[in-house]
């Protein structure tokens, strides 16, 4: 199936989430892509959780990581900045899910379970659950994929 043919499946899964009172408010593009495109997108996602040897889906989001000054420095010998403290900070927007990418060419049920999994990543991000431990987030997403398969 191609991206257009997969849209009814995507809507079915969105309806499944809505039926559990977990409606995904943002209209997130869902695209079926070849392996190379998925790998390239994965390179750009620094915060992605990839625990399986082959990634078959990805929830893309917009995030910037910056080093910010948390303690102003003093000027030392040779006009060098001394005692400056830096902290890494993540900047995000409220609706930052850009797209869901799914590997092209998989059977319908596998595509659907991956889509249900990635949609849970999106739901978590859109609902403020950004600081979950990766194992916890992946576990939650796997449970939702399993629930969709059982439905």
C-alpha atoms as a PDB file:
ATOM      1  CA  UNK A   1       0.000   0.000   0.000  1.00  0.00           C
ATOM      2  CA  UNK A   2       1.174   3.560  -0.660  1.00  0.00           C
ATOM      3  CA  UNK A   3       0.753   6.670   1.514  1.00  0.00           C
ATOM      4  CA  UNK A   4      -2.703   7.511   0.110  1.00  0.00           C
ATOM      5  CA  UNK A   5      -3.922   3.916   0.470  1.00  0.00           C
ATOM      6  CA  UNK A   6      -2.708   3.926   4.085  1.00  0.00           C
ATOM      7  CA  UNK A   7      -4.789   6.972   5.111  1.00  0.00           C
ATOM      8  CA  UNK A   8      -7.916   4.948   6.039  1.00  0.00           C
ATOM      9  CA  UNK A   9      -5.754   2.805   8.346  1.00  0.00           C
ATOM     10  CA  UNK A  10      -4.296   5.972   9.882  1.00  0.00           C
ATOM     11  CA  UNK A  11      -7.826   7.352  10.482  1.00  0.00           C
ATOM     12  CA  UNK A  12      -8.891   4.010  11.977  1.00  0.00           C
ATOM     13  CA  UNK A  13      -6.027   4.216  14.486  1.00  0.00           C
ATOM     14  CA  UNK A  14      -6.763   7.877  15.271  1.00  0.00           C
ATOM     15  CA  UNK A  15     -10.390   6.826  15.928  1.00  0.00           C
ATOM     16  CA  UNK A  16      -9.092   4.034  18.198  1.00  0.00           C
ATOM     17  CA  UNK A  17      -7.207   6.647  20.245  1.00  0.00           C
ATOM     18  CA  UNK A  18     -10.248   8.922  20.340  1.00  0.00           C
ATOM     19  CA  UNK A  19     -12.349   6.009  21.598  1.00  0.00           C
ATOM     20  CA  UNK A  20     -10.008   5.794  24.587  1.00  0.00           C
ATOM     21  CA  UNK A  21     -10.422   9.540  25.240  1.00  0.00           C
ATOM     22  CA  UNK A  22      -6.924  10.152  23.841  1.00  0.00           C
ATOM     23  CA  UNK A  23      -7.774  12.189  20.776  1.00  0.00           C
ATOM     24  CA  UNK A  24      -4.759  13.487  18.857  1.00  0.00           C
ATOM     25  CA  UNK A  25      -5.811  17.082  18.196  1.00  0.00           C
ATOM     26  CA  UNK A  26      -3.056  17.999  15.742  1.00  0.00           C
ATOM     27  CA  UNK A  27      -3.358  16.874  12.136  1.00  0.00           C
ATOM     28  CA  UNK A  28      -0.030  15.058  11.774  1.00  0.00           C
ATOM     29  CA  UNK A  29       1.056  14.010   8.299  1.00  0.00           C
ATOM     30  CA  UNK A  30       1.647  10.259   8.021  1.00  0.00           C
ATOM     31  CA  UNK A  31       3.989   9.176   5.242  1.00  0.00           C
ATOM     32  CA  UNK A  32       5.168   5.799   4.037  1.00  0.00           C
ATOM     33  CA  UNK A  33       8.841   6.094   3.133  1.00  0.00           C
ATOM     34  CA  UNK A  34      11.689   3.949   1.858  1.00  0.00           C
ATOM     35  CA  UNK A  35      14.377   2.756   4.242  1.00  0.00           C
ATOM     36  CA  UNK A  36      16.881   5.423   3.134  1.00  0.00           C
ATOM     37  CA  UNK A  37      14.466   8.278   3.890  1.00  0.00           C
ATOM     38  CA  UNK A  38      13.668   6.764   7.301  1.00  0.00           C
ATOM     39  CA  UNK A  39      17.378   6.424   8.115  1.00  0.00           C
ATOM     40  CA  UNK A  40      18.057  10.021   7.046  1.00  0.00           C
ATOM     41  CA  UNK A  41      15.180  11.296   9.179  1.00  0.00           C
ATOM     42  CA  UNK A  42      16.408   9.198  12.102  1.00  0.00           C
ATOM     43  CA  UNK A  43      19.824  10.888  11.863  1.00  0.00           C
ATOM     44  CA  UNK A  44      18.107  14.235  12.350  1.00  0.00           C
ATOM     45  CA  UNK A  45      16.140  13.090  15.397  1.00  0.00           C
ATOM     46  CA  UNK A  46      18.641  13.345  18.236  1.00  0.00           C
ATOM     47  CA  UNK A  47      16.116  12.494  20.899  1.00  0.00           C
ATOM     48  CA  UNK A  48      14.611   9.481  19.112  1.00  0.00           C
ATOM     49  CA  UNK A  49      14.531   6.170  20.934  1.00  0.00           C
ATOM     50  CA  UNK A  50      15.754   3.370  18.741  1.00  0.00           C
ATOM     51  CA  UNK A  51      15.970   0.152  20.689  1.00  0.00           C
ATOM     52  CA  UNK A  52      15.469  -2.261  17.827  1.00  0.00           C
ATOM     53  CA  UNK A  53      18.142  -3.013  15.239  1.00  0.00           C
ATOM     54  CA  UNK A  54      15.913  -1.895  12.373  1.00  0.00           C
ATOM     55  CA  UNK A  55      13.767   1.195  12.709  1.00  0.00           C
ATOM     56  CA  UNK A  56      10.401   0.793  10.986  1.00  0.00           C
ATOM     57  CA  UNK A  57       8.717   3.981  12.155  1.00  0.00           C
ATOM     58  CA  UNK A  58       9.585   7.409  13.467  1.00  0.00           C
ATOM     59  CA  UNK A  59       7.698  10.294  15.063  1.00  0.00           C
ATOM     60  CA  UNK A  60       9.409  13.489  13.926  1.00  0.00           C
ATOM     61  CA  UNK A  61       9.302  16.546  16.130  1.00  0.00           C
ATOM     62  CA  UNK A  62      10.826  19.986  16.233  1.00  0.00           C
ATOM     63  CA  UNK A  63      13.236  20.534  19.062  1.00  0.00           C
ATOM     64  CA  UNK A  64      16.273  22.713  19.523  1.00  0.00           C
ATOM     65  CA  UNK A  65      18.978  21.984  22.069  1.00  0.00           C
ATOM     66  CA  UNK A  66      20.998  24.984  23.175  1.00  0.00           C
ATOM     67  CA  UNK A  67      23.762  25.637  25.667  1.00  0.00           C
ATOM     68  CA  UNK A  68      22.672  28.543  27.832  1.00  0.00           C
ATOM     69  CA  UNK A  69      24.629  30.596  30.363  1.00  0.00           C
ATOM     70  CA  UNK A  70      23.283  30.084  33.878  1.00  0.00           C
ATOM     71  CA  UNK A  71      26.024  31.984  35.716  1.00  0.00           C
ATOM     72  CA  UNK A  72      27.564  35.103  34.276  1.00  0.00           C
ATOM     73  CA  UNK A  73      31.323  34.876  33.935  1.00  0.00           C
ATOM     74  CA  UNK A  74      33.913  37.242  35.261  1.00  0.00           C
ATOM     75  CA  UNK A  75      36.771  38.552  33.176  1.00  0.00           C
ATOM     76  CA  UNK A  76      40.065  36.936  34.104  1.00  0.00           C
ATOM     77  CA  UNK A  77      43.664  37.318  33.025  1.00  0.00           C
ATOM     78  CA  UNK A  78      44.059  37.995  29.316  1.00  0.00           C
ATOM     79  CA  UNK A  79      40.403  39.072  29.022  1.00  0.00           C
ATOM     80  CA  UNK A  80      39.274  35.451  29.245  1.00  0.00           C
ATOM     81  CA  UNK A  81      35.883  34.506  30.593  1.00  0.00           C
ATOM     82  CA  UNK A  82      36.219  32.645  33.889  1.00  0.00           C
ATOM     83  CA  UNK A  83      33.676  30.757  36.035  1.00  0.00           C
ATOM     84  CA  UNK A  84      30.909  30.767  33.432  1.00  0.00           C
ATOM     85  CA  UNK A  85      28.406  27.960  33.981  1.00  0.00           C
ATOM     86  CA  UNK A  86      26.651  26.447  30.986  1.00  0.00           C
ATOM     87  CA  UNK A  87      23.558  24.260  30.987  1.00  0.00           C
ATOM     88  CA  UNK A  88      22.000  22.407  28.081  1.00  0.00           C
ATOM     89  CA  UNK A  89      18.355  23.315  27.575  1.00  0.00           C
ATOM     90  CA  UNK A  90      15.769  21.889  25.212  1.00  0.00           C
ATOM     91  CA  UNK A  91      13.448  24.348  23.517  1.00  0.00           C
ATOM     92  CA  UNK A  92      10.172  22.960  22.266  1.00  0.00           C
ATOM     93  CA  UNK A  93       6.875  24.314  20.996  1.00  0.00           C
ATOM     94  CA  UNK A  94       3.529  23.065  22.177  1.00  0.00           C
ATOM     95  CA  UNK A  95       2.575  21.491  18.837  1.00  0.00           C
ATOM     96  CA  UNK A  96       5.873  20.268  17.566  1.00  0.00           C
ATOM     97  CA  UNK A  97       5.083  16.907  15.976  1.00  0.00           C
ATOM     98  CA  UNK A  98       6.076  17.329  12.340  1.00  0.00           C
ATOM     99  CA  UNK A  99       5.209  13.944  10.803  1.00  0.00           C
ATOM    100  CA  UNK A 100       4.987  10.223  11.382  1.00  0.00           C
ATOM    101  CA  UNK A 101       7.121   8.156   9.022  1.00  0.00           C
ATOM    102  CA  UNK A 102       6.486   4.448   8.475  1.00  0.00           C
ATOM    103  CA  UNK A 103       8.623   2.071   6.453  1.00  0.00           C
ATOM    104  CA  UNK A 104       6.984   1.303   3.098  1.00  0.00           C
ATOM    105  CA  UNK A 105       6.228  -2.252   1.983  1.00  0.00           C
ATOM    106  CA  UNK A 106       5.159  -3.886   5.235  1.00  0.00           C
ATOM    107  CA  UNK A 107       1.945  -5.886   5.682  1.00  0.00           C
ATOM    108  CA  UNK A 108      -1.160  -3.963   6.797  1.00  0.00           C
ATOM    109  CA  UNK A 109      -1.245  -5.241  10.395  1.00  0.00           C
ATOM    110  CA  UNK A 110       2.457  -4.565  10.942  1.00  0.00           C
ATOM    111  CA  UNK A 111       2.083  -1.104   9.398  1.00  0.00           C
ATOM    112  CA  UNK A 112      -0.894  -0.466  11.679  1.00  0.00           C
ATOM    113  CA  UNK A 113       0.890  -1.591  14.824  1.00  0.00           C
ATOM    114  CA  UNK A 114       3.900   0.597  13.993  1.00  0.00           C
ATOM    115  CA  UNK A 115       1.559   3.493  13.279  1.00  0.00           C
ATOM    116  CA  UNK A 116      -0.264   2.971  16.608  1.00  0.00           C
ATOM    117  CA  UNK A 117       3.135   2.909  18.351  1.00  0.00           C
ATOM    118  CA  UNK A 118       4.360   6.120  16.666  1.00  0.00           C
ATOM    119  CA  UNK A 119       1.028   7.862  17.242  1.00  0.00           C
ATOM    120  CA  UNK A 120       1.484   7.207  20.964  1.00  0.00           C
ATOM    121  CA  UNK A 121       4.880   8.963  20.821  1.00  0.00           C
ATOM    122  CA  UNK A 122       3.052  11.882  19.180  1.00  0.00           C
ATOM    123  CA  UNK A 123       0.275  11.867  21.769  1.00  0.00           C
ATOM    124  CA  UNK A 124       2.815  11.886  24.608  1.00  0.00           C
ATOM    125  CA  UNK A 125       4.735  14.813  23.100  1.00  0.00           C
ATOM    126  CA  UNK A 126       1.603  16.817  22.367  1.00  0.00           C
ATOM    127  CA  UNK A 127       0.283  16.262  25.886  1.00  0.00           C
ATOM    128  CA  UNK A 128       3.416  17.369  27.722  1.00  0.00           C
ATOM    129  CA  UNK A 129       5.001  14.004  28.576  1.00  0.00           C
ATOM    130  CA  UNK A 130       8.456  14.923  27.272  1.00  0.00           C
ATOM    131  CA  UNK A 131      10.700  13.737  30.066  1.00  0.00           C
ATOM    132  CA  UNK A 132       9.761  10.083  30.344  1.00  0.00           C
ATOM    133  CA  UNK A 133      12.616   7.625  30.552  1.00  0.00           C
ATOM    134  CA  UNK A 134      13.119   6.072  27.097  1.00  0.00           C
ATOM    135  CA  UNK A 135      12.306   2.550  28.334  1.00  0.00           C
ATOM    136  CA  UNK A 136       9.062   3.769  29.900  1.00  0.00           C
ATOM    137  CA  UNK A 137       8.002   5.695  26.784  1.00  0.00           C
ATOM    138  CA  UNK A 138       8.800   2.757  24.500  1.00  0.00           C
ATOM    139  CA  UNK A 139       6.900   0.400  26.787  1.00  0.00           C
ATOM    140  CA  UNK A 140       3.814   2.619  26.750  1.00  0.00           C
ATOM    141  CA  UNK A 141       3.978   2.854  22.950  1.00  0.00           C
ATOM    142  CA  UNK A 142       4.340  -0.929  22.631  1.00  0.00           C
ATOM    143  CA  UNK A 143       1.308  -1.478  24.876  1.00  0.00           C
ATOM    144  CA  UNK A 144      -0.833   0.846  22.719  1.00  0.00           C
ATOM    145  CA  UNK A 145       0.323  -0.935  19.550  1.00  0.00           C
ATOM    146  CA  UNK A 146      -0.651  -4.265  21.148  1.00  0.00           C
ATOM    147  CA  UNK A 147      -4.020  -2.877  22.269  1.00  0.00           C
ATOM    148  CA  UNK A 148      -4.756  -1.746  18.714  1.00  0.00           C
ATOM    149  CA  UNK A 149      -3.851  -5.189  17.358  1.00  0.00           C
ATOM    150  CA  UNK A 150      -6.183  -6.799  19.891  1.00  0.00           C
ATOM    151  CA  UNK A 151      -9.064  -4.422  19.124  1.00  0.00           C
END
